[in-house]
Amino acid sequence: MKVRKITEVLGKRVYTDAGDFFGTIEEANLFENKIDGWRIKVASHLNSVLGGARGVVIPHQYVKAISDIFIINKAALPSQEMDMEEADVM
């Protein structure tokens, strides 16, 4: 396993495990000297799915791989179906 500095991964492209582009890494959130999560600036095509949010924080446990790109578990993301169901209830 190769150890990387946090500054080396800032700006890396983030993809889901399904191969969809999600955004870029902006910042690492630390807790007790360990990485707790990653702040990701989402791609513009996802703003409507995320209610206009420009970024999200993904817990580190959902990161599957870090190399030239980040791969995150798609389960960490809100689904469009869930958003539509919530809108129907209101």
Protein backbone atom coordinates (compact mmCIF):
# COMPACT_ATOMS: atom_id res chain seq x y z
CA MET A 1 0.00 0.00 0.00
CA LYS A 2 1.39 3.39 -0.99
CA VAL A 3 1.04 6.18 1.56
CA ARG A 4 0.05 9.55 0.10
CA LYS A 5 -0.02 13.05 1.52
CA ILE A 6 -3.44 14.65 1.63
CA THR A 7 -2.19 17.46 -0.60
CA GLU A 8 -1.44 14.89 -3.31
CA VAL A 9 -5.09 13.83 -3.57
CA LEU A 10 -6.73 17.25 -3.54
CA GLY A 11 -8.25 17.96 -6.94
CA LYS A 12 -8.44 14.26 -7.92
CA ARG A 13 -11.48 13.20 -9.92
CA VAL A 14 -14.09 11.12 -8.09
CA TYR A 15 -16.08 8.31 -9.73
CA THR A 16 -18.69 5.94 -8.35
CA ASP A 17 -18.10 2.21 -8.39
CA ALA A 18 -20.59 2.14 -11.28
CA GLY A 19 -18.19 4.30 -13.34
CA ASP A 20 -20.12 7.60 -13.14
CA PHE A 21 -18.16 10.84 -12.74
CA PHE A 22 -19.15 12.46 -9.43
CA GLY A 23 -16.83 15.41 -8.85
CA THR A 24 -13.43 16.42 -7.47
CA ILE A 25 -11.83 16.24 -4.02
CA GLU A 26 -11.74 19.61 -2.28
CA GLU A 27 -10.71 18.78 1.26
CA ALA A 28 -10.14 16.02 3.80
CA ASN A 29 -11.97 16.08 7.13
CA LEU A 30 -9.82 14.86 10.00
CA PHE A 31 -10.87 13.49 13.40
CA GLU A 32 -8.29 12.43 15.97
CA ASN A 33 -5.51 12.56 13.38
CA LYS A 34 -7.33 10.18 10.98
CA ILE A 35 -9.31 10.87 7.83
CA ASP A 36 -13.00 10.91 8.72
CA GLY A 37 -14.45 12.05 5.40
CA TRP A 38 -13.87 13.82 2.11
CA ARG A 39 -15.49 17.03 0.89
CA ILE A 40 -16.26 16.62 -2.78
CA LYS A 41 -17.22 19.38 -5.20
CA VAL A 42 -19.94 17.69 -7.24
CA ALA A 43 -20.12 17.80 -11.02
CA SER A 44 -22.59 20.36 -12.36
CA HIS A 45 -24.87 17.68 -13.86
CA LEU A 46 -25.58 16.40 -10.31
CA ASN A 47 -26.65 19.70 -8.74
CA SER A 48 -30.34 19.03 -9.37
CA VAL A 49 -30.14 15.56 -7.80
CA LEU A 50 -28.51 17.03 -4.70
CA GLY A 51 -30.96 19.91 -4.34
CA GLY A 52 -28.57 22.51 -5.74
CA ALA A 53 -25.73 21.62 -3.36
CA ARG A 54 -22.29 22.38 -4.74
CA GLY A 55 -20.57 19.77 -2.62
CA VAL A 56 -21.05 16.87 -0.25
CA VAL A 57 -19.06 15.16 2.47
CA ILE A 58 -18.59 11.45 1.93
CA PRO A 59 -17.47 9.39 4.96
CA HIS A 60 -14.11 7.72 4.39
CA GLN A 61 -15.67 4.28 4.86
CA TYR A 62 -17.37 4.69 1.47
CA VAL A 63 -14.07 5.22 -0.38
CA LYS A 64 -13.19 2.04 -2.23
CA ALA A 65 -9.90 3.12 -3.84
CA ILE A 66 -7.51 6.06 -4.02
CA SER A 67 -4.95 6.27 -6.81
CA ASP A 68 -4.99 8.48 -9.89
CA ILE A 69 -8.74 8.79 -9.21
CA PHE A 70 -11.05 8.22 -6.23
CA ILE A 71 -13.65 5.50 -6.41
CA ILE A 72 -16.55 5.74 -3.98
CA ASN A 73 -19.39 3.39 -3.20
CA LYS A 74 -22.54 4.50 -5.03
CA ALA A 75 -24.55 3.60 -1.90
CA ALA A 76 -23.07 6.70 -0.22
CA LEU A 77 -24.99 8.96 -2.62
CA PRO A 78 -28.63 10.01 -2.43
CA SER A 79 -30.68 8.26 -5.08
CA GLN A 80 -32.96 10.03 -7.53
CA GLU A 81 -35.73 7.54 -6.75
CA MET A 82 -35.62 8.47 -3.06
CA ASP A 83 -35.80 12.18 -3.90
CA MET A 84 -38.83 11.59 -6.14
CA GLU A 85 -40.60 9.52 -3.46
CA GLU A 86 -40.04 12.26 -0.88
CA ALA A 87 -41.46 14.84 -3.32
CA ASP A 88 -44.59 12.68 -3.84
CA VAL A 89 -45.22 12.53 -0.11
CA MET A 90 -45.11 16.33 0.30
